[in-house]
C-alpha atoms as a PDB file:
ATOM      1  CA  MET A   1      -0.580   0.574  11.196  1.00  0.00           C
ATOM      2  CA  GLU A   2      -1.824   0.649  14.790  1.00  0.00           C
ATOM      3  CA  TYR A   3      -5.415   0.984  13.547  1.00  0.00           C
ATOM      4  CA  ALA A   4      -4.912  -1.955  11.168  1.00  0.00           C
ATOM      5  CA  ASN A   5      -3.412  -4.041  13.896  1.00  0.00           C
ATOM      6  CA  LYS A   6      -6.404  -3.396  16.078  1.00  0.00           C
ATOM      7  CA  GLY A   7      -8.769  -4.456  13.240  1.00  0.00           C
ATOM      8  CA  ASP A   8      -9.919  -0.985  12.331  1.00  0.00           C
ATOM      9  CA  SER A   9      -9.116  -1.228   8.678  1.00  0.00           C
ATOM     10  CA  ASP A  10     -11.318   1.686   7.544  1.00  0.00           C
ATOM     11  CA  THR A  11      -9.599   4.162   9.860  1.00  0.00           C
ATOM     12  CA  ALA A  12      -6.248   2.794   8.853  1.00  0.00           C
ATOM     13  CA  LEU A  13      -7.043   3.145   5.169  1.00  0.00           C
ATOM     14  CA  ASN A  14      -8.284   6.661   5.660  1.00  0.00           C
ATOM     15  CA  GLU A  15      -5.032   7.551   7.468  1.00  0.00           C
ATOM     16  CA  PHE A  16      -2.920   5.972   4.662  1.00  0.00           C
ATOM     17  CA  ALA A  17      -4.903   7.960   2.043  1.00  0.00           C
ATOM     18  CA  ARG A  18      -4.336  11.197   3.945  1.00  0.00           C
ATOM     19  CA  LEU A  19      -0.630  10.377   4.223  1.00  0.00           C
ATOM     20  CA  ILE A  20      -0.372   9.640   0.484  1.00  0.00           C
ATOM     21  CA  GLN A  21      -2.224  12.796  -0.376  1.00  0.00           C
ATOM     22  CA  ALA A  22       0.101  14.895   1.818  1.00  0.00           C
ATOM     23  CA  ASN A  23       3.276  13.070   0.648  1.00  0.00           C
ATOM     24  CA  PRO A  24       2.729  11.113  -2.559  1.00  0.00           C
ATOM     25  CA  ASP A  25       6.371   9.972  -2.607  1.00  0.00           C
ATOM     26  CA  TYR A  26       6.227   8.193   0.761  1.00  0.00           C
ATOM     27  CA  THR A  27       6.441   4.695  -0.610  1.00  0.00           C
ATOM     28  CA  PRO A  28       5.738   2.717   2.610  1.00  0.00           C
ATOM     29  CA  ALA A  29       2.197   4.211   2.825  1.00  0.00           C
ATOM     30  CA  TYR A  30       1.288   2.483  -0.420  1.00  0.00           C
ATOM     31  CA  GLN A  31       2.649  -0.874   0.779  1.00  0.00           C
ATOM     32  CA  MET A  32       0.974  -0.646   4.194  1.00  0.00           C
ATOM     33  CA  SER A  33      -2.287   0.349   2.559  1.00  0.00           C
ATOM     34  CA  ALA A  34      -2.135  -2.518   0.115  1.00  0.00           C
ATOM     35  CA  GLN A  35      -1.405  -4.974   2.892  1.00  0.00           C
ATOM     36  CA  THR A  36      -4.406  -3.682   4.851  1.00  0.00           C
ATOM     37  CA  LEU A  37      -6.654  -3.923   1.810  1.00  0.00           C
ATOM     38  CA  MET A  38      -5.408  -7.509   1.182  1.00  0.00           C
ATOM     39  CA  LYS A  39      -6.236  -8.523   4.772  1.00  0.00           C
ATOM     40  CA  ALA A  40      -9.667  -7.009   4.352  1.00  0.00           C
ATOM     41  CA  GLY A  41     -10.277  -9.067   1.199  1.00  0.00           C
ATOM     42  CA  ARG A  42     -10.379  -6.035  -1.013  1.00  0.00           C
ATOM     43  CA  GLU A  43      -8.074  -7.431  -3.675  1.00  0.00           C
ATOM     44  CA  ASP A  44      -8.970  -5.147  -6.581  1.00  0.00           C
ATOM     45  CA  GLU A  45      -8.175  -2.090  -4.553  1.00  0.00           C
ATOM     46  CA  ALA A  46      -5.031  -3.708  -3.207  1.00  0.00           C
ATOM     47  CA  ARG A  47      -3.838  -4.361  -6.799  1.00  0.00           C
ATOM     48  CA  LYS A  48      -4.396  -0.665  -7.669  1.00  0.00           C
ATOM     49  CA  MET A  49      -2.574   0.449  -4.550  1.00  0.00           C
ATOM     50  CA  LEU A  50       0.326  -1.853  -5.338  1.00  0.00           C
ATOM     51  CA  GLN A  51       0.543  -0.570  -8.928  1.00  0.00           C
ATOM     52  CA  ASP A  52       0.598   3.036  -7.588  1.00  0.00           C
ATOM     53  CA  GLY A  53       3.186   1.974  -5.004  1.00  0.00           C
ATOM     54  CA  ILE A  54       5.383   0.406  -7.583  1.00  0.00           C
ATOM     55  CA  ALA A  55       5.220   3.602  -9.651  1.00  0.00           C
ATOM     56  CA  CYS A  56       6.157   5.610  -6.531  1.00  0.00           C
ATOM     57  CA  ALA A  57       9.041   3.307  -5.736  1.00  0.00           C
ATOM     58  CA  GLY A  58      10.262   3.713  -9.231  1.00  0.00           C
ATOM     59  CA  ARG A  59      10.090   7.557  -8.992  1.00  0.00           C
ATOM     60  CA  THR A  60      11.947   7.519  -5.692  1.00  0.00           C
ATOM     61  CA  ARG A  61      14.367   4.745  -6.772  1.00  0.00           C
ATOM     62  CA  ASN A  62      13.426   2.561  -3.856  1.00  0.00           C
ATOM     63  CA  GLN A  63      14.282  -0.833  -5.367  1.00  0.00           C
ATOM     64  CA  HIS A  64      13.696  -2.740  -2.163  1.00  0.00           C
ATOM     65  CA  ALA A  65      10.092  -1.512  -1.754  1.00  0.00           C
ATOM     66  CA  LEU A  66       9.503  -2.008  -5.439  1.00  0.00           C
ATOM     67  CA  SER A  67      10.528  -5.642  -5.307  1.00  0.00           C
ATOM     68  CA  GLU A  68       8.396  -6.305  -2.189  1.00  0.00           C
ATOM     69  CA  MET A  69       5.323  -4.725  -3.690  1.00  0.00           C
ATOM     70  CA  GLN A  70       5.836  -6.586  -6.947  1.00  0.00           C
ATOM     71  CA  ALA A  71       5.912  -9.859  -5.014  1.00  0.00           C
ATOM     72  CA  LEU A  72       2.630  -8.894  -3.253  1.00  0.00           C
ATOM     73  CA  LEU A  73       1.110  -8.026  -6.595  1.00  0.00           C
ATOM     74  CA  ASP A  74       2.223 -11.398  -8.027  1.00  0.00           C
ATOM     75  CA  GLU A  75       0.492 -13.151  -5.107  1.00  0.00           C
ATOM     76  CA  LEU A  76      -2.774 -11.430  -6.097  1.00  0.00           C
ATOM     77  CA  ARG A  77      -2.615 -12.570  -9.735  1.00  0.00           C
END
């Protein structure tokens, strides 16, 4: 998130992708990645990331993250 906060979206997204690859059940990585994509105006990619994150949250039974990501996805529709 530090990269994203400094405006370095590409590096932040690369780090999120590495994190998801290493630990596909780490739900916050999907949400942070989607938020970064949204800020960068990359809405199609953000939708896909949110959908993947919602699936992850369902697998890990993280209802709070699931509802937050669903709200973000609803904003994009």
